[in-house]
């Protein structure tokens, strides 16, 4: 996978997961989505860095 695609996909997954979490617990959605997207993008960057070092 391309690095940009991987980071974008994980940011989207993180945002959606935090959205469903906040809806299930009756919390405000926006802060949770921002944090979830940040964590997802951060995880994508780490995975990208690890995979490019091995190549």
Protein backbone atom coordinates (compact mmCIF):
# COMPACT_ATOMS: atom_id res chain seq x y z
CA UNK A 1 0.00 0.00 0.00
CA UNK A 2 1.07 3.56 -0.55
CA UNK A 3 2.02 5.50 2.54
CA UNK A 4 -0.54 8.25 1.99
CA UNK A 5 -3.34 5.72 1.50
CA UNK A 6 -2.41 3.83 4.66
CA UNK A 7 -2.33 6.95 6.81
CA UNK A 8 -5.63 8.20 5.38
CA UNK A 9 -7.32 4.84 5.88
CA UNK A 10 -6.22 4.55 9.50
CA UNK A 11 -7.26 8.13 10.21
CA UNK A 12 -10.71 7.35 8.78
CA UNK A 13 -11.00 4.13 10.80
CA UNK A 14 -9.92 5.93 13.96
CA UNK A 15 -12.43 8.71 13.39
CA UNK A 16 -15.29 6.32 12.74
CA UNK A 17 -14.44 4.15 15.73
CA UNK A 18 -14.37 7.15 18.03
CA UNK A 19 -17.62 8.43 16.48
CA UNK A 20 -19.42 5.19 17.32
CA UNK A 21 -17.89 5.17 20.79
CA UNK A 22 -19.07 8.69 21.54
CA UNK A 23 -22.56 8.00 20.18
CA UNK A 24 -22.87 4.83 22.25
CA UNK A 25 -21.87 6.66 25.44
CA UNK A 26 -23.93 9.80 24.69
CA UNK A 27 -20.92 12.12 24.54
CA UNK A 28 -20.13 15.08 22.28
CA UNK A 29 -18.94 13.65 18.95
CA UNK A 30 -16.49 16.28 17.67
CA UNK A 31 -13.69 16.03 20.26
CA UNK A 32 -13.73 12.25 20.13
CA UNK A 33 -13.57 12.22 16.33
CA UNK A 34 -10.65 14.65 16.32
CA UNK A 35 -8.72 12.58 18.84
CA UNK A 36 -9.56 9.32 17.06
CA UNK A 37 -8.44 10.70 13.72
CA UNK A 38 -5.20 11.98 15.22
CA UNK A 39 -4.43 8.64 16.83
CA UNK A 40 -5.28 6.80 13.61
CA UNK A 41 -3.01 9.03 11.54
CA UNK A 42 -0.26 8.69 14.11
CA UNK A 43 -0.54 4.88 14.00
CA UNK A 44 -0.45 5.01 10.20
CA UNK A 45 2.71 7.08 10.26
CA UNK A 46 4.38 4.66 12.66
CA UNK A 47 3.42 1.65 10.53
CA UNK A 48 4.69 3.44 7.42
CA UNK A 49 8.01 4.27 9.06
CA UNK A 50 8.51 0.70 10.24
CA UNK A 51 7.61 -0.82 6.89
CA UNK A 52 9.87 1.52 4.89
CA UNK A 53 12.86 0.80 7.14
CA UNK A 54 12.53 -2.92 6.39
CA UNK A 55 12.57 -2.37 2.61
